[in-house]
């Protein structure tokens, strides 16, 4: 088994990632060439902007899978979603239309995205509501959130609740600037990061690559612990998708 990427936008035509199936396949080829063997696609669910549900995600996954077989690309793919913070999330969970990223120690895991500019006031009340229902939030790319960059202590209540963290691979190598790189390094060194993932959107600025970032993380953590962030940990989470 190669590396496992748990946050990317490779499903064709349903958010701001791959615009068509040809692009999806091109990105999949890049991922495989980098050593990625399994990928959980996480299209945006963002109320009013990307109103995705299993009714839009499942057909896109089926198209992508068929295209990979036809193109002879050996990539195992499944789907979940990156879910934007908001009260609509509670309603979506109640209605059963929010896909989960996987499972972690008996809890379902949801990939949760805060607005890029801030951590909403009282956000820990919503994450607590989820945890009480057996749903563990995994916070997407905290190192790129402007509020957390300014004040990393804003992550504290979520870490105390047991929330997981997913850091963007390219942040570790400086692809999102020095502040994001420094914060990613700090979170890695403190052992607070559960997985590194690509958050791939395209082949240029946001490619589906992990290897270089794992090498960078190894400088901080050693090779074994760095490798776990793209193998053991994401597999523990997402193996329910690939049984």
Protein backbone atom coordinates (compact mmCIF):
# COMPACT_ATOMS: atom_id res chain seq x y z
CA UNK A 1 0.00 0.00 0.00
CA UNK A 2 1.20 3.49 -0.84
CA UNK A 3 0.23 6.81 0.71
CA UNK A 4 -3.39 7.73 1.45
CA UNK A 5 -4.77 11.20 0.71
CA UNK A 6 -7.85 12.09 2.75
CA UNK A 7 -8.55 15.64 1.58
CA UNK A 8 -8.71 16.62 -2.08
CA UNK A 9 -11.08 17.93 -4.72
CA UNK A 10 -10.63 15.43 -7.55
CA UNK A 11 -14.28 14.56 -8.20
CA UNK A 12 -15.25 16.06 -11.55
CA UNK A 13 -17.44 19.11 -11.85
CA UNK A 14 -19.03 19.46 -8.41
CA UNK A 15 -16.95 22.15 -6.69
CA UNK A 16 -13.88 24.35 -7.32
CA UNK A 17 -11.60 21.35 -7.90
CA UNK A 18 -11.36 19.24 -11.07
CA UNK A 19 -13.71 20.79 -13.62
CA UNK A 20 -14.17 17.66 -15.75
CA UNK A 21 -13.37 13.96 -15.74
CA UNK A 22 -10.28 14.37 -17.97
CA UNK A 23 -8.80 16.70 -15.33
CA UNK A 24 -9.73 14.24 -12.57
CA UNK A 25 -7.82 11.47 -14.38
CA UNK A 26 -4.81 13.74 -15.01
CA UNK A 27 -4.68 14.59 -11.29
CA UNK A 28 -5.06 10.90 -10.41
CA UNK A 29 -2.04 10.08 -12.58
CA UNK A 30 -0.02 12.72 -10.69
CA UNK A 31 -1.11 11.23 -7.36
CA UNK A 32 -0.12 7.69 -8.38
CA UNK A 33 3.25 8.90 -9.70
CA UNK A 34 3.86 10.50 -6.28
CA UNK A 35 3.20 7.20 -4.49
CA UNK A 36 -0.46 7.66 -3.51
CA UNK A 37 -2.50 4.45 -3.72
CA UNK A 38 -5.77 5.40 -1.97
CA UNK A 39 -7.69 8.62 -2.10
CA UNK A 40 -10.86 9.78 -0.37
CA UNK A 41 -12.32 12.63 -2.44
CA UNK A 42 -13.76 15.40 -0.26
CA UNK A 43 -15.84 17.85 -2.32
CA UNK A 44 -17.04 20.98 -0.56
CA UNK A 45 -20.39 21.04 1.20
CA UNK A 46 -20.79 24.77 1.66
CA UNK A 47 -24.35 26.00 2.10
CA UNK A 48 -25.41 28.33 -0.72
CA UNK A 49 -22.21 27.80 -2.69
CA UNK A 50 -21.66 24.06 -3.11
CA UNK A 51 -24.85 22.36 -1.99
CA UNK A 52 -23.47 18.87 -2.39
CA UNK A 53 -25.11 15.79 -0.87
CA UNK A 54 -24.67 12.07 -1.54
CA UNK A 55 -27.08 12.65 -4.47
CA UNK A 56 -24.42 14.74 -6.26
CA UNK A 57 -21.27 13.14 -4.82
CA UNK A 58 -22.04 9.46 -5.48
CA UNK A 59 -22.64 9.85 -9.25
CA UNK A 60 -19.45 11.93 -9.60
CA UNK A 61 -17.51 9.18 -7.80
CA UNK A 62 -18.99 6.55 -10.12
CA UNK A 63 -17.91 8.55 -13.19
CA UNK A 64 -14.41 9.03 -11.75
CA UNK A 65 -14.01 5.34 -10.90
CA UNK A 66 -15.10 4.25 -14.36
CA UNK A 67 -12.70 6.74 -15.97
CA UNK A 68 -9.79 5.47 -13.84
CA UNK A 69 -10.48 1.88 -14.93
CA UNK A 70 -10.71 2.94 -18.57
CA UNK A 71 -7.47 4.95 -18.33
CA UNK A 72 -5.68 2.13 -16.49
CA UNK A 73 -4.84 4.29 -13.47
CA UNK A 74 -4.29 2.12 -10.40
CA UNK A 75 -5.80 4.40 -7.77
CA UNK A 76 -8.38 3.26 -5.21
CA UNK A 77 -10.92 6.04 -4.70
CA UNK A 78 -13.84 6.70 -2.40
CA UNK A 79 -15.65 9.83 -1.28
CA UNK A 80 -16.64 11.88 1.76
CA UNK A 81 -16.85 15.68 1.98
CA UNK A 82 -15.22 18.79 3.39
CA UNK A 83 -18.05 20.40 5.32
CA UNK A 84 -18.18 24.14 5.93
CA UNK A 85 -18.89 25.26 9.50
CA UNK A 86 -22.47 26.50 9.98
CA UNK A 87 -25.81 25.70 11.57
CA UNK A 88 -26.86 23.97 8.31
CA UNK A 89 -24.38 21.29 9.33
CA UNK A 90 -26.60 20.28 12.27
CA UNK A 91 -29.58 19.96 9.96
CA UNK A 92 -27.55 17.96 7.43
CA UNK A 93 -26.38 15.55 10.13
CA UNK A 94 -29.96 15.16 11.38
CA UNK A 95 -31.15 14.41 7.83
CA UNK A 96 -28.31 11.96 7.21
CA UNK A 97 -26.96 13.78 4.14
CA UNK A 98 -23.46 14.58 5.45
CA UNK A 99 -20.85 12.00 4.37
CA UNK A 100 -18.25 11.05 6.96
CA UNK A 101 -14.53 10.84 6.32
CA UNK A 102 -14.20 7.61 8.28
CA UNK A 103 -13.99 6.33 11.83
CA UNK A 104 -11.54 6.95 14.67
CA UNK A 105 -11.67 4.90 17.86
CA UNK A 106 -15.37 4.17 17.57
CA UNK A 107 -16.47 7.64 16.49
CA UNK A 108 -17.46 8.82 13.04
CA UNK A 109 -15.13 11.51 11.72
CA UNK A 110 -16.27 14.60 9.83
CA UNK A 111 -13.85 16.84 7.90
CA UNK A 112 -14.79 20.30 9.13
CA UNK A 113 -13.75 23.55 7.47
CA UNK A 114 -13.87 26.89 9.27
CA UNK A 115 -14.21 30.13 7.27
CA UNK A 116 -10.71 31.05 6.05
CA UNK A 117 -10.63 34.41 7.85
CA UNK A 118 -11.51 33.30 11.38
CA UNK A 119 -12.69 30.73 13.88
CA UNK A 120 -16.37 31.61 14.36
CA UNK A 121 -17.31 32.81 17.84
CA UNK A 122 -18.63 29.90 19.91
CA UNK A 123 -17.50 27.33 17.32
CA UNK A 124 -16.60 24.89 20.08
CA UNK A 125 -20.30 24.65 20.97
CA UNK A 126 -21.04 23.14 17.54
CA UNK A 127 -18.08 20.77 17.74
CA UNK A 128 -19.25 19.72 21.22
CA UNK A 129 -22.75 19.09 19.82
CA UNK A 130 -21.19 16.80 17.21
CA UNK A 131 -19.01 14.97 19.74
CA UNK A 132 -22.07 14.32 21.93
CA UNK A 133 -23.57 12.55 18.90
CA UNK A 134 -20.53 10.32 18.35
CA UNK A 135 -19.12 12.50 15.55
CA UNK A 136 -15.51 13.61 15.91
CA UNK A 137 -14.54 16.72 13.93
CA UNK A 138 -11.28 16.69 12.02
CA UNK A 139 -10.39 20.34 11.46
CA UNK A 140 -9.21 20.96 7.91
CA UNK A 141 -6.01 22.99 7.37
CA UNK A 142 -5.99 24.96 10.68
CA UNK A 143 -2.52 26.29 9.79
CA UNK A 144 -4.05 28.28 6.90
CA UNK A 145 -6.87 29.88 8.94
CA UNK A 146 -6.13 33.60 9.40
CA UNK A 147 -7.59 33.66 12.92
CA UNK A 148 -5.48 30.69 14.04
CA UNK A 149 -2.38 32.04 12.29
CA UNK A 150 -2.76 35.23 14.31
CA UNK A 151 -3.53 33.40 17.54
CA UNK A 152 -2.70 29.65 17.57
CA UNK A 153 -4.27 29.43 21.07
CA UNK A 154 -7.66 29.52 19.29
CA UNK A 155 -7.15 25.82 18.56
CA UNK A 156 -6.92 24.95 22.24
CA UNK A 157 -10.61 24.32 23.03
CA UNK A 158 -10.92 22.01 20.02
CA UNK A 159 -7.83 20.03 20.94
CA UNK A 160 -9.14 19.74 24.52
CA UNK A 161 -12.38 18.29 23.13
CA UNK A 162 -10.35 15.70 21.23
CA UNK A 163 -10.82 17.09 17.72
CA UNK A 164 -8.35 15.80 15.13
CA UNK A 165 -6.25 18.07 12.88
CA UNK A 166 -5.50 17.71 9.16
CA UNK A 167 -2.63 19.85 7.90
CA UNK A 168 -2.15 20.63 4.20
CA UNK A 169 0.96 18.90 2.84
CA UNK A 170 2.16 21.96 0.91
CA UNK A 171 1.99 24.10 4.06
CA UNK A 172 4.87 22.07 5.49
CA UNK A 173 7.11 22.96 2.53
CA UNK A 174 6.16 26.66 2.54
CA UNK A 175 3.63 26.52 -0.30
CA UNK A 176 1.16 28.68 1.67
CA UNK A 177 3.69 31.14 3.07
CA UNK A 178 6.00 31.36 6.03
CA UNK A 179 3.34 31.85 8.73
CA UNK A 180 1.46 28.71 7.64
CA UNK A 181 4.74 26.79 7.39
CA UNK A 182 5.82 27.82 10.90
CA UNK A 183 2.42 26.95 12.39
CA UNK A 184 2.29 23.60 10.56
CA UNK A 185 5.78 22.80 11.86
CA UNK A 186 4.78 23.72 15.40
CA UNK A 187 1.63 21.56 15.28
CA UNK A 188 3.63 18.64 13.84
CA UNK A 189 6.40 18.93 16.41
CA UNK A 190 3.84 19.05 19.24
CA UNK A 191 2.22 15.86 17.94
CA UNK A 192 -1.14 17.51 17.29
CA UNK A 193 -1.51 16.57 13.61
CA UNK A 194 -3.38 13.37 12.74
CA UNK A 195 -2.95 13.43 8.97
CA UNK A 196 -1.23 15.31 6.19
CA UNK A 197 -3.35 15.60 3.05
CA UNK A 198 -3.01 17.40 -0.27
CA UNK A 199 -6.23 19.45 -0.46
CA UNK A 200 -5.56 19.16 -4.21
CA UNK A 201 -7.66 21.31 -6.52
CA UNK A 202 -5.59 21.40 -9.73
CA UNK A 203 -2.24 20.45 -11.26
CA UNK A 204 -0.54 23.83 -10.86
CA UNK A 205 -1.08 25.65 -7.54
CA UNK A 206 -2.72 22.81 -5.62
CA UNK A 207 -1.48 19.42 -6.92
CA UNK A 208 -2.27 16.00 -5.36
CA UNK A 209 1.23 15.45 -3.97
CA UNK A 210 2.43 14.31 -0.54
CA UNK A 211 5.95 12.90 -0.86
CA UNK A 212 7.97 16.12 -0.64
CA UNK A 213 6.00 17.24 2.41
CA UNK A 214 6.57 13.91 4.15
CA UNK A 215 10.32 14.41 3.65
CA UNK A 216 10.01 17.89 5.17
CA UNK A 217 7.98 16.54 8.11
CA UNK A 218 10.60 13.83 8.64
CA UNK A 219 13.16 16.56 9.38
CA UNK A 220 10.96 17.52 12.34
CA UNK A 221 9.59 14.16 13.48
CA UNK A 222 11.81 11.45 12.09
CA UNK A 223 10.87 9.25 9.14
CA UNK A 224 8.61 6.79 10.92
CA UNK A 225 6.32 9.38 12.54
CA UNK A 226 6.19 11.46 9.37
CA UNK A 227 5.23 8.40 7.30
CA UNK A 228 2.42 7.54 9.74
CA UNK A 229 0.68 10.83 8.83
CA UNK A 230 0.12 9.59 5.26
CA UNK A 231 -0.16 5.83 5.87
CA UNK A 232 -1.12 4.38 9.27
CA UNK A 233 -3.30 7.25 10.52
CA UNK A 234 -5.28 7.93 7.33
CA UNK A 235 -5.75 4.19 6.80
CA UNK A 236 -7.07 3.76 10.36
CA UNK A 237 -9.59 6.51 9.56
CA UNK A 238 -10.62 5.58 6.05
CA UNK A 239 -10.31 1.80 5.80
CA UNK A 240 -14.11 1.60 6.23
CA UNK A 241 -14.31 3.01 2.66
CA UNK A 242 -12.14 0.29 1.13
CA UNK A 243 -13.34 -2.95 2.73
